[in-house]
C-alpha atoms as a PDB file:
ATOM      1  CA  MET A   1     -34.573  -1.513 -89.244  1.00  0.00           C
ATOM      2  CA  CYS A   2     -33.237   1.488 -87.412  1.00  0.00           C
ATOM      3  CA  PHE A   3     -34.534   4.835 -86.052  1.00  0.00           C
ATOM      4  CA  LEU A   4     -33.295   8.534 -86.745  1.00  0.00           C
ATOM      5  CA  THR A   5     -33.098  11.925 -84.428  1.00  0.00           C
ATOM      6  CA  ILE A   6     -31.923  14.820 -85.038  1.00  0.00           C
ATOM      7  CA  SER A   7     -30.193  16.573 -82.117  1.00  0.00           C
ATOM      8  CA  ILE A   8     -28.016  19.691 -82.080  1.00  0.00           C
ATOM      9  CA  ALA A   9     -24.559  19.401 -80.934  1.00  0.00           C
ATOM     10  CA  GLU A  10     -22.077  21.848 -79.500  1.00  0.00           C
ATOM     11  CA  ARG A  11     -18.573  21.516 -79.879  1.00  0.00           C
ATOM     12  CA  LEU A  12     -15.472  24.173 -79.524  1.00  0.00           C
ATOM     13  CA  LYS A  13     -16.894  25.741 -76.452  1.00  0.00           C
ATOM     14  CA  GLY A  14     -20.301  26.690 -78.487  1.00  0.00           C
ATOM     15  CA  LEU A  15     -18.734  27.807 -81.644  1.00  0.00           C
ATOM     16  CA  ILE A  16     -19.773  25.111 -83.455  1.00  0.00           C
ATOM     17  CA  HIS A  17     -23.374  24.012 -83.883  1.00  0.00           C
ATOM     18  CA  SER A  18     -23.677  21.139 -85.263  1.00  0.00           C
ATOM     19  CA  LYS A  19     -27.091  19.221 -86.749  1.00  0.00           C
ATOM     20  CA  GLN A  20     -26.649  15.980 -85.874  1.00  0.00           C
ATOM     21  CA  VAL A  21     -28.522  12.959 -87.868  1.00  0.00           C
ATOM     22  CA  MET A  22     -28.605  10.100 -84.554  1.00  0.00           C
ATOM     23  CA  LEU A  23     -29.026   6.450 -85.070  1.00  0.00           C
ATOM     24  CA  ASN A  24     -31.153   4.826 -82.769  1.00  0.00           C
ATOM     25  CA  GLU A  25     -30.412   7.601 -80.010  1.00  0.00           C
ATOM     26  CA  TYR A  26     -32.818  10.684 -78.868  1.00  0.00           C
ATOM     27  CA  LEU A  27     -31.398  12.831 -76.618  1.00  0.00           C
ATOM     28  CA  ASN A  28     -34.325  14.651 -75.540  1.00  0.00           C
ATOM     29  CA  ASP A  29     -35.746  14.949 -72.441  1.00  0.00           C
ATOM     30  CA  HIS A  30     -33.108  11.895 -71.002  1.00  0.00           C
ATOM     31  CA  CYS A  31     -34.390   9.205 -72.727  1.00  0.00           C
ATOM     32  CA  ASN A  32     -31.637   8.325 -74.337  1.00  0.00           C
ATOM     33  CA  MET A  33     -30.607   4.633 -73.861  1.00  0.00           C
ATOM     34  CA  ILE A  34     -27.100   4.485 -74.773  1.00  0.00           C
ATOM     35  CA  THR A  35     -27.214   1.729 -77.359  1.00  0.00           C
ATOM     36  CA  GLN A  36     -24.561  -0.410 -77.250  1.00  0.00           C
ATOM     37  CA  TYR A  37     -23.205  -2.315 -80.253  1.00  0.00           C
ATOM     38  CA  ASN A  38     -25.633  -0.257 -82.440  1.00  0.00           C
ATOM     39  CA  GLY A  39     -26.087  -0.378 -85.841  1.00  0.00           C
ATOM     40  CA  MET A  40     -29.530  -1.570 -87.738  1.00  0.00           C
ATOM     41  CA  LEU A  41     -31.398  -4.559 -87.538  1.00  0.00           C
ATOM     42  CA  VAL A  42     -30.499  -6.804 -90.485  1.00  0.00           C
ATOM     43  CA  ASN A  43     -29.327  -9.897 -91.915  1.00  0.00           C
ATOM     44  CA  ASP A  44     -25.458  -9.749 -92.347  1.00  0.00           C
ATOM     45  CA  LYS A  45     -25.361 -10.854 -95.803  1.00  0.00           C
ATOM     46  CA  TYR A  46     -27.841  -8.038 -96.741  1.00  0.00           C
ATOM     47  CA  ALA A  47     -25.835  -5.517 -94.644  1.00  0.00           C
ATOM     48  CA  LYS A  48     -24.009  -3.895 -97.173  1.00  0.00           C
ATOM     49  CA  SER A  49     -27.217  -3.373 -99.572  1.00  0.00           C
ATOM     50  CA  ALA A  50     -29.276  -2.375 -96.479  1.00  0.00           C
ATOM     51  CA  TRP A  51     -26.696   0.308 -95.901  1.00  0.00           C
ATOM     52  CA  ASN A  52     -26.517   1.652 -99.475  1.00  0.00           C
ATOM     53  CA  CYS A  53     -30.241   1.995 -99.568  1.00  0.00           C
ATOM     54  CA  PHE A  54     -29.990   4.022 -96.128  1.00  0.00           C
ATOM     55  CA  TYR A  55     -26.839   6.562 -97.798  1.00  0.00           C
ATOM     56  CA  GLU A  56     -29.465   6.951-100.693  1.00  0.00           C
ATOM     57  CA  CYS A  57     -32.232   7.955 -98.401  1.00  0.00           C
ATOM     58  CA  LEU A  58     -30.461  10.188 -96.240  1.00  0.00           C
ATOM     59  CA  MET A  59     -28.829  12.142 -98.711  1.00  0.00           C
ATOM     60  CA  SER A  60     -32.225  12.722-100.304  1.00  0.00           C
ATOM     61  CA  TRP A  61     -33.610  13.632 -97.023  1.00  0.00           C
ATOM     62  CA  ASP A  62     -35.307  17.465 -97.532  1.00  0.00           C
ATOM     63  CA  ARG A  63     -34.281  17.730 -93.464  1.00  0.00           C
ATOM     64  CA  PRO A  64     -30.648  19.810 -92.890  1.00  0.00           C
ATOM     65  CA  TRP A  65     -28.075  18.218 -91.498  1.00  0.00           C
ATOM     66  CA  ASP A  66     -24.226  18.365 -91.080  1.00  0.00           C
ATOM     67  CA  GLU A  67     -23.140  14.768 -89.737  1.00  0.00           C
ATOM     68  CA  LEU A  68     -24.355  11.345 -88.887  1.00  0.00           C
ATOM     69  CA  ALA A  69     -23.502  10.292 -85.330  1.00  0.00           C
ATOM     70  CA  MET A  70     -23.325   6.786 -84.992  1.00  0.00           C
ATOM     71  CA  SER A  71     -22.055   5.532 -81.463  1.00  0.00           C
ATOM     72  CA  SER A  72     -20.537   1.982 -80.085  1.00  0.00           C
ATOM     73  CA  ILE A  73     -20.296   0.418 -83.092  1.00  0.00           C
ATOM     74  CA  SER A  74     -18.259  -2.723 -83.966  1.00  0.00           C
ATOM     75  CA  GLN A  75     -14.519  -2.252 -86.349  1.00  0.00           C
ATOM     76  CA  ASP A  76     -16.828  -4.322 -89.006  1.00  0.00           C
ATOM     77  CA  GLN A  77     -19.740  -2.160 -88.446  1.00  0.00           C
ATOM     78  CA  LEU A  78     -17.536   0.839 -89.071  1.00  0.00           C
ATOM     79  CA  GLU A  79     -16.333  -0.417 -92.429  1.00  0.00           C
ATOM     80  CA  VAL A  80     -19.721  -1.333 -93.981  1.00  0.00           C
ATOM     81  CA  VAL A  81     -21.209   2.189 -93.770  1.00  0.00           C
ATOM     82  CA  ALA A  82     -18.186   3.930 -94.475  1.00  0.00           C
ATOM     83  CA  SER A  83     -17.940   1.917 -98.088  1.00  0.00           C
ATOM     84  CA  ALA A  84     -21.666   2.363 -97.959  1.00  0.00           C
ATOM     85  CA  CYS A  85     -20.987   6.448 -97.588  1.00  0.00           C
ATOM     86  CA  PRO A  86     -18.433   7.908 -99.806  1.00  0.00           C
ATOM     87  CA  GLY A  87     -20.104  11.294 -99.968  1.00  0.00           C
ATOM     88  CA  LEU A  88     -19.565  11.636 -96.280  1.00  0.00           C
ATOM     89  CA  SER A  89     -15.395  11.826 -94.047  1.00  0.00           C
ATOM     90  CA  LEU A  90     -15.103   9.901 -91.037  1.00  0.00           C
ATOM     91  CA  ASP A  91     -14.491  11.690 -88.151  1.00  0.00           C
ATOM     92  CA  ILE A  92     -13.919   9.667 -85.151  1.00  0.00           C
ATOM     93  CA  ASP A  93     -15.074  10.417 -81.756  1.00  0.00           C
ATOM     94  CA  LYS A  94     -13.780   7.793 -79.113  1.00  0.00           C
ATOM     95  CA  VAL A  95     -12.413   4.717 -78.665  1.00  0.00           C
ATOM     96  CA  HIS A  96     -13.533   1.840 -76.464  1.00  0.00           C
ATOM     97  CA  LYS A  97     -12.263  -2.301 -76.086  1.00  0.00           C
ATOM     98  CA  GLU A  98     -14.425  -4.187 -75.533  1.00  0.00           C
ATOM     99  CA  TRP A  99     -14.489  -6.770 -72.923  1.00  0.00           C
ATOM    100  CA  THR A 100     -15.217 -10.478 -73.138  1.00  0.00           C
ATOM    101  CA  VAL A 101     -14.578 -13.512 -71.177  1.00  0.00           C
ATOM    102  CA  SER A 102     -14.707 -16.577 -73.307  1.00  0.00           C
ATOM    103  CA  LEU A 103     -16.244 -19.717 -71.284  1.00  0.00           C
ATOM    104  CA  LYS A 104     -16.264 -23.089 -71.557  1.00  0.00           C
ATOM    105  CA  PRO A 105     -18.752 -25.995 -69.876  1.00  0.00           C
ATOM    106  CA  GLU A 106     -16.139 -27.291 -67.521  1.00  0.00           C
ATOM    107  CA  PHE A 107     -16.022 -23.141 -66.070  1.00  0.00           C
ATOM    108  CA  SER A 108     -19.257 -24.408 -64.137  1.00  0.00           C
ATOM    109  CA  ASP A 109     -16.615 -25.189 -61.752  1.00  0.00           C
ATOM    110  CA  LEU A 110     -15.106 -22.424 -59.672  1.00  0.00           C
ATOM    111  CA  LYS A 111     -11.913 -23.785 -59.019  1.00  0.00           C
ATOM    112  CA  THR A 112     -11.488 -24.550 -63.109  1.00  0.00           C
ATOM    113  CA  LEU A 113     -12.695 -20.892 -63.775  1.00  0.00           C
ATOM    114  CA  ILE A 114     -10.860 -19.607 -61.486  1.00  0.00           C
ATOM    115  CA  ASN A 115      -7.200 -21.065 -62.788  1.00  0.00           C
ATOM    116  CA  GLU A 116      -8.406 -19.061 -65.820  1.00  0.00           C
ATOM    117  CA  PHE A 117      -7.534 -15.787 -64.612  1.00  0.00           C
ATOM    118  CA  LYS A 118      -3.560 -14.204 -64.301  1.00  0.00           C
ATOM    119  CA  SER A 119      -1.937 -15.197 -60.942  1.00  0.00           C
ATOM    120  CA  LYS A 120      -3.148 -11.635 -59.103  1.00  0.00           C
ATOM    121  CA  SER A 121      -6.932 -12.407 -60.050  1.00  0.00           C
ATOM    122  CA  ARG A 122      -6.362 -15.729 -59.004  1.00  0.00           C
ATOM    123  CA  HIS A 123      -5.306 -14.721 -55.540  1.00  0.00           C
ATOM    124  CA  GLN A 124      -7.774 -11.785 -54.838  1.00  0.00           C
ATOM    125  CA  LEU A 125     -10.364 -13.985 -55.743  1.00  0.00           C
ATOM    126  CA  ARG A 126      -9.887 -16.794 -53.800  1.00  0.00           C
ATOM    127  CA  GLN A 127      -8.787 -14.496 -50.690  1.00  0.00           C
ATOM    128  CA  SER A 128     -11.743 -13.008 -51.193  1.00  0.00           C
ATOM    129  CA  ILE A 129     -13.979 -15.948 -50.886  1.00  0.00           C
ATOM    130  CA  ARG A 130     -12.539 -17.051 -48.045  1.00  0.00           C
ATOM    131  CA  ASN A 131     -12.805 -13.914 -46.138  1.00  0.00           C
ATOM    132  CA  PHE A 132     -16.832 -13.798 -47.646  1.00  0.00           C
ATOM    133  CA  GLU A 133     -17.210 -17.242 -45.972  1.00  0.00           C
ATOM    134  CA  LYS A 134     -15.458 -16.481 -42.780  1.00  0.00           C
ATOM    135  CA  GLU A 135     -17.269 -12.937 -42.193  1.00  0.00           C
ATOM    136  CA  LEU A 136     -20.308 -13.740 -43.236  1.00  0.00           C
ATOM    137  CA  GLY A 137     -20.906 -17.275 -44.462  1.00  0.00           C
ATOM    138  CA  ALA A 138     -20.939 -19.327 -47.757  1.00  0.00           C
ATOM    139  CA  ILE A 139     -21.294 -18.143 -50.657  1.00  0.00           C
ATOM    140  CA  THR A 140     -24.676 -18.754 -52.917  1.00  0.00           C
ATOM    141  CA  LEU A 141     -26.026 -17.362 -56.595  1.00  0.00           C
ATOM    142  CA  THR A 142     -29.931 -17.807 -57.222  1.00  0.00           C
ATOM    143  CA  ALA A 143     -31.422 -17.263 -61.130  1.00  0.00           C
ATOM    144  CA  ALA A 144     -35.019 -15.236 -61.003  1.00  0.00           C
ATOM    145  CA  ALA A 145     -37.177 -18.293 -61.305  1.00  0.00           C
ATOM    146  CA  THR A 146     -40.252 -16.032 -62.235  1.00  0.00           C
ATOM    147  CA  ILE A 147     -41.146 -12.481 -63.186  1.00  0.00           C
ATOM    148  CA  ALA A 148     -41.548 -11.051 -59.975  1.00  0.00           C
ATOM    149  CA  ASP A 149     -38.598 -12.578 -58.453  1.00  0.00           C
ATOM    150  CA  ALA A 150     -36.883 -11.003 -61.601  1.00  0.00           C
ATOM    151  CA  PHE A 151     -38.898  -7.512 -60.315  1.00  0.00           C
ATOM    152  CA  THR A 152     -37.436  -7.999 -57.130  1.00  0.00           C
ATOM    153  CA  TYR A 153     -34.402  -8.521 -58.234  1.00  0.00           C
ATOM    154  CA  PHE A 154     -33.690  -5.691 -60.527  1.00  0.00           C
ATOM    155  CA  ASP A 155     -35.538  -3.010 -57.561  1.00  0.00           C
ATOM    156  CA  ALA A 156     -33.155  -4.832 -55.045  1.00  0.00           C
ATOM    157  CA  MET A 157     -30.165  -4.142 -57.483  1.00  0.00           C
ATOM    158  CA  GLY A 158     -31.423  -0.617 -58.087  1.00  0.00           C
ATOM    159  CA  GLU A 159     -31.510  -0.145 -54.074  1.00  0.00           C
ATOM    160  CA  LEU A 160     -27.294  -1.032 -54.174  1.00  0.00           C
ATOM    161  CA  HIS A 161     -26.486   0.318 -57.393  1.00  0.00           C
ATOM    162  CA  THR A 162     -27.843   4.068 -56.128  1.00  0.00           C
ATOM    163  CA  LYS A 163     -26.237   3.802 -52.821  1.00  0.00           C
ATOM    164  CA  ARG A 164     -23.256   3.430 -54.146  1.00  0.00           C
ATOM    165  CA  TRP A 165     -23.093   6.396 -56.608  1.00  0.00           C
ATOM    166  CA  GLU A 166     -24.799   8.774 -54.654  1.00  0.00           C
ATOM    167  CA  LYS A 167     -21.654   7.996 -51.864  1.00  0.00           C
ATOM    168  CA  ALA A 168     -19.442   9.160 -55.445  1.00  0.00           C
ATOM    169  CA  GLY A 169     -21.389  12.297 -55.663  1.00  0.00           C
ATOM    170  CA  ARG A 170     -23.236  10.966 -58.594  1.00  0.00           C
ATOM    171  CA  ALA A 171     -26.965   9.773 -59.431  1.00  0.00           C
ATOM    172  CA  GLY A 172     -26.462   6.467 -61.407  1.00  0.00           C
ATOM    173  CA  SER A 173     -29.032   4.994 -63.847  1.00  0.00           C
ATOM    174  CA  PHE A 174     -31.746   4.375 -61.269  1.00  0.00           C
ATOM    175  CA  ALA A 175     -31.929   7.774 -60.961  1.00  0.00           C
ATOM    176  CA  ASN A 176     -33.549   8.019 -64.790  1.00  0.00           C
ATOM    177  CA  GLN A 177     -37.136   7.069 -64.354  1.00  0.00           C
ATOM    178  CA  ASN A 178     -37.119   6.566 -68.141  1.00  0.00           C
ATOM    179  CA  TRP A 179     -33.902   4.201 -68.295  1.00  0.00           C
ATOM    180  CA  VAL A 180     -35.840   2.436 -65.072  1.00  0.00           C
ATOM    181  CA  ASN A 181     -39.469   1.730 -67.323  1.00  0.00           C
ATOM    182  CA  PHE A 182     -37.399   1.126 -70.424  1.00  0.00           C
ATOM    183  CA  HIS A 183     -35.996  -1.970 -68.709  1.00  0.00           C
ATOM    184  CA  LYS A 184     -38.506  -3.459 -66.926  1.00  0.00           C
ATOM    185  CA  GLU A 185     -40.512  -3.097 -70.173  1.00  0.00           C
ATOM    186  CA  ILE A 186     -37.574  -5.524 -71.561  1.00  0.00           C
ATOM    187  CA  ILE A 187     -37.835  -7.722 -68.986  1.00  0.00           C
ATOM    188  CA  ARG A 188     -41.794  -7.961 -68.850  1.00  0.00           C
ATOM    189  CA  ASN A 189     -41.605  -8.975 -72.531  1.00  0.00           C
ATOM    190  CA  GLU A 190     -38.364 -10.988 -72.830  1.00  0.00           C
ATOM    191  CA  PHE A 191     -38.098 -13.087 -69.708  1.00  0.00           C
ATOM    192  CA  SER A 192     -40.389 -15.806 -70.310  1.00  0.00           C
ATOM    193  CA  ASN A 193     -38.261 -15.964 -73.989  1.00  0.00           C
ATOM    194  CA  GLY A 194     -35.233 -16.962 -71.679  1.00  0.00           C
ATOM    195  CA  ASN A 195     -33.005 -14.142 -72.555  1.00  0.00           C
ATOM    196  CA  ILE A 196     -33.352 -11.901 -69.423  1.00  0.00           C
ATOM    197  CA  LEU A 197     -30.508 -12.846 -66.632  1.00  0.00           C
ATOM    198  CA  LEU A 198     -31.080 -11.368 -63.194  1.00  0.00           C
ATOM    199  CA  LEU A 199     -28.699 -13.332 -60.615  1.00  0.00           C
ATOM    200  CA  ALA A 200     -28.915 -12.968 -56.735  1.00  0.00           C
ATOM    201  CA  ILE A 201     -25.765 -13.498 -54.949  1.00  0.00           C
ATOM    202  CA  LYS A 202     -25.486 -13.429 -51.364  1.00  0.00           C
ATOM    203  CA  SER A 203     -23.319 -14.308 -48.443  1.00  0.00           C
ATOM    204  CA  GLY A 204     -24.717 -16.378 -45.913  1.00  0.00           C
ATOM    205  CA  ALA A 205     -27.863 -13.870 -45.909  1.00  0.00           C
ATOM    206  CA  THR A 206     -26.291 -10.795 -46.877  1.00  0.00           C
ATOM    207  CA  ASP A 207     -26.844  -9.649 -50.366  1.00  0.00           C
ATOM    208  CA  ILE A 208     -24.006  -8.763 -51.835  1.00  0.00           C
ATOM    209  CA  GLY A 209     -24.512  -8.222 -55.664  1.00  0.00           C
ATOM    210  CA  PHE A 210     -27.032  -8.277 -57.929  1.00  0.00           C
ATOM    211  CA  LEU A 211     -26.817  -8.389 -62.065  1.00  0.00           C
ATOM    212  CA  TYR A 212     -28.943  -7.729 -65.172  1.00  0.00           C
ATOM    213  CA  GLY A 213     -28.409  -8.823 -68.498  1.00  0.00           C
ATOM    214  CA  HIS A 214     -29.603 -10.163 -71.716  1.00  0.00           C
ATOM    215  CA  ILE A 215     -28.723 -13.177 -73.570  1.00  0.00           C
ATOM    216  CA  TYR A 216     -28.228 -12.913 -77.245  1.00  0.00           C
ATOM    217  CA  LYS A 217     -26.529 -15.412 -79.532  1.00  0.00           C
ATOM    218  CA  ASN A 218     -25.302 -17.284 -76.734  1.00  0.00           C
ATOM    219  CA  VAL A 219     -23.575 -14.450 -75.363  1.00  0.00           C
ATOM    220  CA  ALA A 220     -24.186 -12.804 -72.214  1.00  0.00           C
ATOM    221  CA  TYR A 221     -24.182  -9.004 -72.561  1.00  0.00           C
ATOM    222  CA  MET A 222     -24.346  -7.989 -68.364  1.00  0.00           C
ATOM    223  CA  GLN A 223     -26.396  -4.390 -68.551  1.00  0.00           C
ATOM    224  CA  GLN A 224     -26.160  -3.644 -65.031  1.00  0.00           C
ATOM    225  CA  THR A 225     -25.153  -4.313 -61.515  1.00  0.00           C
ATOM    226  CA  GLY A 226     -25.356  -3.163 -57.941  1.00  0.00           C
ATOM    227  CA  PHE A 227     -22.945  -4.208 -55.375  1.00  0.00           C
ATOM    228  CA  ALA A 228     -23.022  -3.921 -51.486  1.00  0.00           C
ATOM    229  CA  ALA A 229     -20.726  -1.537 -49.801  1.00  0.00           C
ATOM    230  CA  MET A 230     -18.250  -3.418 -47.777  1.00  0.00           C
ATOM    231  CA  GLU A 231     -16.020  -2.173 -44.547  1.00  0.00           C
ATOM    232  CA  LEU A 232     -13.400  -4.120 -45.535  1.00  0.00           C
ATOM    233  CA  ASN A 233     -11.795  -4.048 -48.484  1.00  0.00           C
ATOM    234  CA  ILE A 234     -10.844  -7.451 -48.571  1.00  0.00           C
ATOM    235  CA  LEU A 235     -14.063  -8.009 -49.371  1.00  0.00           C
ATOM    236  CA  LYS A 236     -14.535  -7.462 -53.577  1.00  0.00           C
ATOM    237  CA  PRO A 237     -18.342  -8.071 -53.968  1.00  0.00           C
ATOM    238  CA  GLY A 238     -18.366  -6.754 -57.617  1.00  0.00           C
ATOM    239  CA  TYR A 239     -15.455  -9.115 -58.635  1.00  0.00           C
ATOM    240  CA  ILE A 240     -17.211 -12.369 -56.444  1.00  0.00           C
ATOM    241  CA  SER A 241     -20.459 -11.780 -58.178  1.00  0.00           C
ATOM    242  CA  HIS A 242     -18.881 -11.587 -61.511  1.00  0.00           C
ATOM    243  CA  LEU A 243     -17.134 -14.765 -60.817  1.00  0.00           C
ATOM    244  CA  TYR A 244     -20.078 -16.583 -59.580  1.00  0.00           C
ATOM    245  CA  ALA A 245     -22.142 -15.252 -62.464  1.00  0.00           C
ATOM    246  CA  MET A 246     -19.520 -16.245 -65.130  1.00  0.00           C
ATOM    247  CA  ALA A 247     -19.662 -20.164 -64.011  1.00  0.00           C
ATOM    248  CA  PHE A 248     -23.376 -20.278 -63.965  1.00  0.00           C
ATOM    249  CA  CYS A 249     -23.582 -18.911 -67.315  1.00  0.00           C
ATOM    250  CA  ALA A 250     -21.136 -21.558 -68.022  1.00  0.00           C
ATOM    251  CA  ALA A 251     -23.626 -24.506 -66.455  1.00  0.00           C
ATOM    252  CA  ARG A 252     -26.252 -22.912 -68.549  1.00  0.00           C
ATOM    253  CA  GLY A 253     -23.936 -23.579 -71.518  1.00  0.00           C
ATOM    254  CA  ILE A 254     -23.199 -19.803 -72.890  1.00  0.00           C
ATOM    255  CA  GLU A 255     -20.236 -19.337 -74.576  1.00  0.00           C
ATOM    256  CA  ALA A 256     -19.212 -15.540 -73.799  1.00  0.00           C
ATOM    257  CA  TYR A 257     -19.873 -13.451 -70.921  1.00  0.00           C
ATOM    258  CA  ASN A 258     -19.379  -9.921 -72.219  1.00  0.00           C
ATOM    259  CA  LEU A 259     -18.769  -6.774 -69.764  1.00  0.00           C
ATOM    260  CA  LEU A 260     -19.856  -4.207 -72.395  1.00  0.00           C
ATOM    261  CA  PRO A 261     -17.721  -1.871 -74.024  1.00  0.00           C
ATOM    262  CA  ASP A 262     -15.801   0.868 -72.091  1.00  0.00           C
ATOM    263  CA  GLU A 263     -12.332   2.593 -71.406  1.00  0.00           C
ATOM    264  CA  ASP A 264      -9.837   1.208 -69.817  1.00  0.00           C
ATOM    265  CA  SER A 265     -11.686  -0.209 -67.528  1.00  0.00           C
ATOM    266  CA  SER A 266      -9.570  -2.253 -64.135  1.00  0.00           C
ATOM    267  CA  TYR A 267     -12.585  -4.071 -62.914  1.00  0.00           C
ATOM    268  CA  LYS A 268     -12.698  -5.421 -66.663  1.00  0.00           C
ATOM    269  CA  ARG A 269      -9.326  -6.094 -66.987  1.00  0.00           C
ATOM    270  CA  PHE A 270      -8.988  -8.161 -63.683  1.00  0.00           C
ATOM    271  CA  PHE A 271     -11.073 -10.368 -65.676  1.00  0.00           C
ATOM    272  CA  THR A 272      -9.671 -10.237 -69.559  1.00  0.00           C
ATOM    273  CA  ALA A 273      -7.536  -8.170 -71.729  1.00  0.00           C
ATOM    274  CA  PRO A 274      -8.917  -5.873 -73.976  1.00  0.00           C
ATOM    275  CA  GLY A 275     -10.597  -7.296 -77.065  1.00  0.00           C
ATOM    276  CA  ASP A 276     -12.176  -5.424 -80.221  1.00  0.00           C
ATOM    277  CA  SER A 277     -12.415  -1.824 -80.557  1.00  0.00           C
ATOM    278  CA  ILE A 278     -15.745  -0.054 -80.509  1.00  0.00           C
ATOM    279  CA  PHE A 279     -16.309   3.568 -82.113  1.00  0.00           C
ATOM    280  CA  TRP A 280     -17.988   6.740 -81.518  1.00  0.00           C
ATOM    281  CA  VAL A 281     -18.256   8.222 -85.080  1.00  0.00           C
ATOM    282  CA  ASN A 282     -19.755  10.817 -87.195  1.00  0.00           C
ATOM    283  CA  PHE A 283     -19.707  10.798 -90.569  1.00  0.00           C
ATOM    284  CA  GLN A 284     -19.296  14.520 -91.682  1.00  0.00           C
ATOM    285  CA  LYS A 285     -20.846  16.451 -95.059  1.00  0.00           C
ATOM    286  CA  ASN A 286     -18.282  18.575 -96.634  1.00  0.00           C
ATOM    287  CA  ASN A 287     -20.123  21.861 -95.857  1.00  0.00           C
ATOM    288  CA  PRO A 288     -18.575  25.203 -94.587  1.00  0.00           C
ATOM    289  CA  LYS A 289     -19.564  24.260 -90.860  1.00  0.00           C
ATOM    290  CA  MET A 290     -17.547  21.416 -90.815  1.00  0.00           C
ATOM    291  CA  ARG A 291     -14.698  22.511 -92.983  1.00  0.00           C
ATOM    292  CA  LEU A 292     -14.382  25.304 -90.705  1.00  0.00           C
ATOM    293  CA  GLU A 293     -14.623  23.224 -87.577  1.00  0.00           C
ATOM    294  CA  LYS A 294     -11.626  21.067 -88.904  1.00  0.00           C
ATOM    295  CA  TYR A 295      -9.536  23.814 -89.786  1.00  0.00           C
ATOM    296  CA  ILE A 296     -10.020  25.291 -86.329  1.00  0.00           C
ATOM    297  CA  ARG A 297      -9.159  21.725 -84.953  1.00  0.00           C
ATOM    298  CA  SER A 298      -6.299  21.806 -86.969  1.00  0.00           C
ATOM    299  CA  VAL A 299      -4.920  25.158 -86.158  1.00  0.00           C
ATOM    300  CA  LEU A 300      -5.357  24.213 -82.305  1.00  0.00           C
ATOM    301  CA  GLY A 301      -3.444  21.085 -82.507  1.00  0.00           C
ATOM    302  CA  VAL A 302      -0.188  22.824 -84.142  1.00  0.00           C
ATOM    303  CA  ILE A 303      -0.961  25.251 -80.811  1.00  0.00           C
ATOM    304  CA  LYS A 304      -0.529  22.880 -78.721  1.00  0.00           C
ATOM    305  CA  ASN A 305       2.277  20.975 -80.319  1.00  0.00           C
ATOM    306  CA  ILE A 306       4.253  23.695 -80.239  1.00  0.00           C
ATOM    307  CA  LEU A 307       3.492  25.126 -76.631  1.00  0.00           C
ATOM    308  CA  GLY A 308       4.380  21.350 -76.070  1.00  0.00           C
ATOM    309  CA  SER A 309       7.716  21.320 -77.435  1.00  0.00           C
ATOM    310  CA  TYR A 310       8.123  24.546 -75.686  1.00  0.00           C
ATOM    311  CA  LYS A 311       7.737  23.130 -72.686  1.00  0.00           C
ATOM    312  CA  THR A 312      10.034  20.399 -73.101  1.00  0.00           C
ATOM    313  CA  ALA A 313      12.577  22.127 -73.975  1.00  0.00           C
ATOM    314  CA  ARG A 314      12.281  24.223 -70.963  1.00  0.00           C
END
């Protein structure tokens, strides 16, 4: 199962207008949720057959299109799709890394968990904990026990999230009411099934962080965060909130804490090394429009190399 939409992508400063078939995305009216680990919902053993059928249906579709756009797909998914779509050429738009901390039951103990990180991270975490306890009081984590708690935490997270993004001159996720409604519906439907994490972290009586995530196949995928702004740089609410959340997940027997794919993120690198690659790709038809774009890009690449060599020579 999957759904497809068609959008117009402008590239090369509007010179190329490509009709993109998008997998599980809808760009109009601010409705796109950006699916991480995108793909079809399909049993792994039937994946190849399903993608072969997908390709046959796509190529016989009576609507005009130029390329199939897929965001945030894994290396394994990419290989399966590429094999199933022999008539389309692969163009890689961008590559992110996934960031995952492997958990063990003994990591429920903070001291044991902290010892797993590199020395610089260990020092900053211990220092931040000491300073939080000194300035504000003991650090505690509380998980939402009811749907009412979950919505309270979600809204509080939105307030902290929005304050930090507005301070940086940007709106943040909660400015999109479609995004808010979408995730509240997920919480409403899935909280009682134990698939939702909504966590509140305090230092004394002060909220320092809220975390929202999903549990799937015993992995915690952290979807969104909201952290308090602190005047003292030695207080690191984001690092501490994630640390306590990892310990909480380890105590529940969760095997991994996934920070979601991202570029070379400094705060994610604080906890773990980059993992497997996640791809944003276009599978393109061999039509005149796509051939023209490739030709222009190749010419621009040659020009860029010549200019680079000229600057180096000077």
